[in-house]
């Protein structure tokens, strides 16, 4: 019973994080929420017993991808002044 409740809670948080990342108007906010989404997926994979997949998700999804996205956002230049 407790494990099913944990899975349901994580899945609910995943849906909330995905919708928040899609609706975010600021790119840094969207990147941060995407990192949270990847971390939640890491927890879900670890709970399901796929520790190798969870480790890969943590390093690539929540780690490297977030750093690359934030670095790219900081290197963007706006053409308009609005």
Protein backbone atom coordinates (compact mmCIF):
# COMPACT_ATOMS: atom_id res chain seq x y z
CA UNK A 1 0.00 0.00 0.00
CA UNK A 2 2.76 2.46 0.91
CA UNK A 3 4.72 1.73 -2.25
CA UNK A 4 1.69 2.33 -4.45
CA UNK A 5 1.08 5.63 -2.68
CA UNK A 6 4.70 6.66 -3.26
CA UNK A 7 4.47 5.75 -6.96
CA UNK A 8 1.24 7.71 -7.33
CA UNK A 9 2.73 10.74 -5.58
CA UNK A 10 5.85 10.69 -7.80
CA UNK A 11 3.74 10.29 -10.95
CA UNK A 12 1.54 13.20 -9.90
CA UNK A 13 4.62 15.34 -9.30
CA UNK A 14 5.96 14.29 -12.72
CA UNK A 15 2.79 15.50 -14.45
CA UNK A 16 2.89 18.78 -12.52
CA UNK A 17 6.56 19.31 -13.37
CA UNK A 18 5.99 18.54 -17.06
CA UNK A 19 3.07 20.94 -17.32
CA UNK A 20 4.98 23.62 -15.42
CA UNK A 21 7.99 23.27 -17.72
CA UNK A 22 5.74 23.59 -20.77
CA UNK A 23 3.94 26.67 -19.45
CA UNK A 24 6.99 28.48 -18.07
CA UNK A 25 7.63 31.81 -19.82
CA UNK A 26 11.20 32.14 -18.54
CA UNK A 27 13.77 29.78 -20.05
CA UNK A 28 15.79 29.47 -16.84
CA UNK A 29 12.64 28.48 -14.95
CA UNK A 30 11.80 25.91 -17.62
CA UNK A 31 15.32 24.46 -17.38
CA UNK A 32 15.13 24.24 -13.58
CA UNK A 33 11.74 22.53 -13.71
CA UNK A 34 13.08 20.14 -16.35
CA UNK A 35 15.91 19.25 -13.94
CA UNK A 36 13.32 18.58 -11.25
CA UNK A 37 11.43 16.38 -13.73
CA UNK A 38 14.61 14.40 -14.45
CA UNK A 39 15.30 13.99 -10.74
CA UNK A 40 11.76 12.69 -10.17
CA UNK A 41 12.27 10.21 -13.01
CA UNK A 42 15.50 9.15 -11.32
CA UNK A 43 13.57 8.45 -8.11
CA UNK A 44 10.97 6.47 -10.02
CA UNK A 45 13.58 4.36 -11.82
CA UNK A 46 15.40 3.66 -8.56
CA UNK A 47 12.17 2.64 -6.84
CA UNK A 48 11.41 0.23 -9.69
CA UNK A 49 14.78 -1.43 -9.20
CA UNK A 50 16.51 -0.10 -12.31
CA UNK A 51 19.43 1.47 -10.49
CA UNK A 52 21.62 1.71 -13.59
CA UNK A 53 18.92 3.60 -15.47
CA UNK A 54 18.34 5.82 -12.42
CA UNK A 55 22.04 6.66 -12.25
CA UNK A 56 22.13 7.49 -15.95
CA UNK A 57 19.02 9.66 -15.62
CA UNK A 58 20.58 11.51 -12.70
CA UNK A 59 23.87 12.20 -14.43
CA UNK A 60 22.65 12.91 -17.94
CA UNK A 61 19.09 14.15 -17.40
CA UNK A 62 19.36 16.16 -14.22
CA UNK A 63 23.05 16.98 -14.45
CA UNK A 64 24.64 17.45 -17.84
CA UNK A 65 21.50 18.42 -19.77
CA UNK A 66 20.59 21.10 -17.25
CA UNK A 67 24.09 22.58 -17.33
CA UNK A 68 24.09 22.63 -21.13
CA UNK A 69 20.63 24.24 -21.30
CA UNK A 70 21.50 26.95 -18.76
CA UNK A 71 24.83 27.67 -20.48
CA UNK A 72 23.04 27.97 -23.81
CA UNK A 73 20.43 30.32 -22.35
CA UNK A 74 23.13 32.57 -20.89
CA UNK A 75 24.85 32.73 -24.29
CA UNK A 76 21.69 33.80 -26.16
CA UNK A 77 21.50 37.38 -27.29
CA UNK A 78 18.19 39.18 -27.79
CA UNK A 79 17.71 41.16 -30.96
CA UNK A 80 14.85 43.33 -29.76
CA UNK A 81 14.63 45.65 -26.78
CA UNK A 82 11.12 44.71 -25.62
